[in-house]
């Protein structure tokens, strides 16, 4: 069963000091995602929203909610995608 488009999966960019460091060093961004979102759903949503290829998705659930750490392929810059996602 589908739960809506990519904007229903990816809520917004999640910006912390650690996330900014990972963006520069490891080509990763963090996003707050819907509780129902699975790794494949998150990967598809990020690729659709930002026209970038995702290498890996890690998910953690914390006090703030469900957070996905997305690593992009080397030919896509997390900093460029972050600027489109409203990180800067």
N, C-alpha and C. Protein backbone atom coordinates (compact mmCIF):
# COMPACT_ATOMS: atom_id res chain seq x y z
N UNK A 1 0.84 -1.18 0.00
CA UNK A 1 0.00 0.00 0.00
C UNK A 1 0.89 1.24 0.00
N UNK A 2 0.58 2.17 -0.86
CA UNK A 2 1.34 3.42 -0.96
C UNK A 2 0.86 4.41 0.10
N UNK A 3 1.78 5.16 0.63
CA UNK A 3 1.43 6.14 1.66
C UNK A 3 1.64 7.57 1.16
N UNK A 4 1.57 7.77 -0.14
CA UNK A 4 1.72 9.12 -0.66
C UNK A 4 3.04 9.32 -1.36
N UNK A 5 3.25 10.54 -1.84
CA UNK A 5 4.45 10.87 -2.58
C UNK A 5 5.66 11.10 -1.70
N UNK A 6 6.77 11.48 -2.33
CA UNK A 6 8.02 11.66 -1.58
C UNK A 6 7.94 12.74 -0.51
N UNK A 7 7.08 13.74 -0.72
CA UNK A 7 6.94 14.80 0.28
C UNK A 7 6.23 14.30 1.54
N UNK A 8 5.59 13.13 1.46
CA UNK A 8 4.96 12.52 2.65
C UNK A 8 5.94 11.63 3.40
N UNK A 9 7.08 11.31 2.77
CA UNK A 9 8.10 10.47 3.38
C UNK A 9 9.19 11.34 4.02
N UNK A 10 9.72 12.29 3.23
CA UNK A 10 10.77 13.19 3.70
C UNK A 10 10.09 14.44 4.26
N UNK A 11 10.23 14.67 5.56
CA UNK A 11 9.57 15.81 6.18
C UNK A 11 10.40 17.09 6.01
N UNK A 12 11.70 17.02 6.39
CA UNK A 12 12.60 18.17 6.21
C UNK A 12 14.02 17.73 6.52
N UNK A 13 14.98 18.58 6.12
CA UNK A 13 16.38 18.30 6.44
C UNK A 13 16.58 18.44 7.95
N UNK A 14 17.47 17.64 8.50
CA UNK A 14 17.76 17.65 9.92
C UNK A 14 19.20 18.14 10.07
N UNK A 15 19.37 19.34 10.63
CA UNK A 15 20.68 19.97 10.67
C UNK A 15 21.22 20.01 12.09
N UNK A 16 22.36 19.36 12.27
CA UNK A 16 23.10 19.42 13.53
C UNK A 16 24.57 19.66 13.18
N UNK A 17 25.37 19.94 14.17
CA UNK A 17 26.80 20.13 13.93
C UNK A 17 27.42 18.85 13.37
N UNK A 18 27.01 17.72 13.91
CA UNK A 18 27.52 16.43 13.43
C UNK A 18 27.10 16.20 11.98
N UNK A 19 25.85 16.51 11.66
CA UNK A 19 25.35 16.32 10.30
C UNK A 19 26.11 17.20 9.31
N UNK A 20 26.46 18.41 9.72
CA UNK A 20 27.22 19.31 8.84
C UNK A 20 28.61 18.73 8.55
N UNK A 21 29.23 18.16 9.57
CA UNK A 21 30.54 17.53 9.38
C UNK A 21 30.47 16.34 8.46
N UNK A 22 29.43 15.51 8.63
CA UNK A 22 29.26 14.35 7.76
C UNK A 22 28.98 14.77 6.32
N UNK A 23 28.29 15.88 6.15
CA UNK A 23 28.00 16.37 4.81
C UNK A 23 29.31 16.69 4.09
N UNK A 24 30.22 17.34 4.78
CA UNK A 24 31.49 17.73 4.16
C UNK A 24 32.43 16.54 3.98
N UNK A 25 32.54 15.69 4.99
CA UNK A 25 33.54 14.61 4.95
C UNK A 25 33.06 13.34 4.27
N UNK A 26 31.78 13.01 4.42
CA UNK A 26 31.31 11.70 3.95
C UNK A 26 30.18 11.77 2.93
N UNK A 27 29.86 12.96 2.45
CA UNK A 27 28.82 13.13 1.42
C UNK A 27 27.46 12.61 1.90
N UNK A 28 27.10 12.96 3.16
CA UNK A 28 25.85 12.50 3.77
C UNK A 28 24.98 13.69 4.17
N UNK A 29 23.67 13.46 4.17
CA UNK A 29 22.70 14.41 4.71
C UNK A 29 21.76 13.66 5.63
N UNK A 30 21.19 14.37 6.59
CA UNK A 30 20.19 13.77 7.47
C UNK A 30 18.83 14.43 7.22
N UNK A 31 17.79 13.61 7.27
CA UNK A 31 16.42 14.08 7.06
C UNK A 31 15.52 13.51 8.15
N UNK A 32 14.58 14.34 8.60
CA UNK A 32 13.48 13.83 9.42
C UNK A 32 12.53 13.15 8.44
N UNK A 33 12.11 11.95 8.79
CA UNK A 33 11.23 11.20 7.90
C UNK A 33 9.99 10.74 8.67
N UNK A 34 8.98 10.37 7.92
CA UNK A 34 7.73 9.87 8.51
C UNK A 34 7.99 8.56 9.24
N UNK A 35 7.24 8.32 10.30
CA UNK A 35 7.42 7.10 11.09
C UNK A 35 7.21 5.82 10.27
N UNK A 36 6.34 5.88 9.28
CA UNK A 36 6.04 4.70 8.47
C UNK A 36 7.09 4.43 7.39
N UNK A 37 8.02 5.35 7.19
CA UNK A 37 8.97 5.26 6.08
C UNK A 37 9.98 4.12 6.28
N UNK A 38 10.17 3.34 5.22
CA UNK A 38 11.17 2.28 5.22
C UNK A 38 12.39 2.78 4.46
N UNK A 39 13.50 2.06 4.56
CA UNK A 39 14.71 2.47 3.84
C UNK A 39 14.47 2.58 2.33
N UNK A 40 13.85 1.59 1.70
CA UNK A 40 13.59 1.73 0.26
C UNK A 40 12.70 2.94 -0.08
N UNK A 41 11.71 3.21 0.77
CA UNK A 41 10.84 4.37 0.54
C UNK A 41 11.63 5.67 0.65
N UNK A 42 12.53 5.75 1.64
CA UNK A 42 13.35 6.94 1.84
C UNK A 42 14.28 7.15 0.66
N UNK A 43 14.93 6.08 0.22
CA UNK A 43 15.85 6.17 -0.94
C UNK A 43 15.11 6.68 -2.16
N UNK A 44 13.96 6.10 -2.45
CA UNK A 44 13.17 6.51 -3.63
C UNK A 44 12.73 7.96 -3.52
N UNK A 45 12.28 8.37 -2.33
CA UNK A 45 11.80 9.74 -2.13
C UNK A 45 12.93 10.75 -2.31
N UNK A 46 14.10 10.48 -1.74
CA UNK A 46 15.23 11.40 -1.88
C UNK A 46 15.66 11.49 -3.34
N UNK A 47 15.73 10.36 -4.02
CA UNK A 47 16.12 10.37 -5.44
C UNK A 47 15.13 11.15 -6.29
N UNK A 48 13.84 11.03 -5.98
CA UNK A 48 12.81 11.78 -6.74
C UNK A 48 12.85 13.27 -6.42
N UNK A 49 12.95 13.62 -5.14
CA UNK A 49 12.91 15.03 -4.75
C UNK A 49 14.14 15.81 -5.20
N UNK A 50 15.32 15.18 -5.14
CA UNK A 50 16.56 15.92 -5.37
C UNK A 50 17.34 15.47 -6.60
N UNK A 51 16.78 14.58 -7.41
CA UNK A 51 17.41 14.09 -8.63
C UNK A 51 18.87 13.70 -8.37
N UNK A 52 19.09 12.89 -7.35
CA UNK A 52 20.43 12.44 -6.98
C UNK A 52 20.38 10.95 -6.66
N UNK A 53 21.47 10.26 -6.91
CA UNK A 53 21.53 8.82 -6.63
C UNK A 53 22.02 8.57 -5.22
N UNK A 54 21.29 7.74 -4.50
CA UNK A 54 21.59 7.41 -3.11
C UNK A 54 22.39 6.12 -3.06
N UNK A 55 23.47 6.14 -2.28
CA UNK A 55 24.31 4.97 -2.11
C UNK A 55 23.79 4.10 -0.96
N UNK A 56 23.42 4.75 0.17
CA UNK A 56 23.01 4.00 1.36
C UNK A 56 22.10 4.84 2.24
N UNK A 57 21.20 4.18 2.95
CA UNK A 57 20.30 4.85 3.89
C UNK A 57 20.41 4.14 5.24
N UNK A 58 20.67 4.90 6.29
CA UNK A 58 20.63 4.40 7.67
C UNK A 58 19.51 5.14 8.39
N UNK A 59 18.83 4.44 9.28
CA UNK A 59 17.70 5.03 9.99
C UNK A 59 17.89 4.85 11.49
N UNK A 60 17.56 5.91 12.23
CA UNK A 60 17.56 5.81 13.70
C UNK A 60 16.32 6.52 14.22
N UNK A 61 15.84 6.05 15.35
CA UNK A 61 14.68 6.67 15.96
C UNK A 61 15.13 7.26 17.29
N UNK A 62 14.92 8.56 17.43
CA UNK A 62 15.33 9.25 18.64
C UNK A 62 14.18 10.04 19.22
N UNK A 63 14.50 10.89 20.17
CA UNK A 63 13.50 11.72 20.82
C UNK A 63 12.82 12.64 19.81
N UNK A 64 13.61 13.17 18.87
CA UNK A 64 13.08 14.10 17.88
C UNK A 64 12.18 13.40 16.85
N UNK A 65 12.30 12.08 16.69
CA UNK A 65 11.54 11.34 15.71
C UNK A 65 12.44 10.42 14.91
N UNK A 66 11.99 10.04 13.75
CA UNK A 66 12.75 9.12 12.90
C UNK A 66 13.67 9.94 12.00
N UNK A 67 14.96 9.61 12.03
CA UNK A 67 15.96 10.36 11.27
C UNK A 67 16.67 9.41 10.31
N UNK A 68 16.75 9.81 9.05
CA UNK A 68 17.45 9.01 8.04
C UNK A 68 18.75 9.71 7.67
N UNK A 69 19.84 8.97 7.71
CA UNK A 69 21.12 9.46 7.23
C UNK A 69 21.31 8.88 5.84
N UNK A 70 21.43 9.76 4.85
CA UNK A 70 21.48 9.35 3.45
C UNK A 70 22.86 9.66 2.90
N UNK A 71 23.53 8.64 2.37
CA UNK A 71 24.83 8.83 1.74
C UNK A 71 24.63 8.81 0.23
N UNK A 72 25.18 9.82 -0.43
CA UNK A 72 25.02 9.96 -1.87
C UNK A 72 26.22 9.39 -2.62
N UNK A 73 26.00 9.02 -3.88
CA UNK A 73 27.10 8.58 -4.72
C UNK A 73 28.08 9.72 -4.92
N UNK A 74 29.33 9.38 -5.22
CA UNK A 74 30.39 10.38 -5.33
C UNK A 74 30.13 11.44 -6.39
N UNK A 75 29.38 11.08 -7.42
CA UNK A 75 29.11 12.05 -8.49
C UNK A 75 27.99 13.03 -8.14
N UNK A 76 27.47 12.96 -6.91
CA UNK A 76 26.48 13.92 -6.42
C UNK A 76 26.99 14.54 -5.13
N UNK A 77 26.89 15.86 -5.02
CA UNK A 77 27.42 16.57 -3.86
C UNK A 77 26.33 16.78 -2.81
N UNK A 78 26.58 16.30 -1.59
CA UNK A 78 25.63 16.49 -0.50
C UNK A 78 25.46 17.98 -0.20
N UNK A 79 26.51 18.78 -0.40
CA UNK A 79 26.41 20.22 -0.14
C UNK A 79 25.43 20.87 -1.12
N UNK A 80 25.50 20.48 -2.41
CA UNK A 80 24.56 21.02 -3.40
C UNK A 80 23.12 20.58 -3.08
N UNK A 81 22.96 19.33 -2.73
CA UNK A 81 21.63 18.82 -2.41
C UNK A 81 21.13 19.48 -1.13
N UNK A 82 22.02 19.67 -0.16
CA UNK A 82 21.66 20.34 1.08
C UNK A 82 21.17 21.75 0.86
N UNK A 83 21.79 22.47 -0.06
CA UNK A 83 21.33 23.83 -0.34
C UNK A 83 19.93 23.82 -0.95
N UNK A 84 19.64 22.80 -1.76
CA UNK A 84 18.28 22.69 -2.33
C UNK A 84 17.28 22.24 -1.27
N UNK A 85 17.75 21.50 -0.24
CA UNK A 85 16.87 21.00 0.82
C UNK A 85 16.65 22.04 1.92
N UNK A 86 17.34 23.17 1.83
CA UNK A 86 17.14 24.24 2.81
C UNK A 86 18.06 24.15 4.02
N UNK A 87 19.18 23.45 3.88
CA UNK A 87 20.14 23.35 4.98
C UNK A 87 20.83 24.67 5.22
N UNK A 88 21.12 25.40 4.14
CA UNK A 88 21.85 26.67 4.26
C UNK A 88 20.92 27.86 4.18
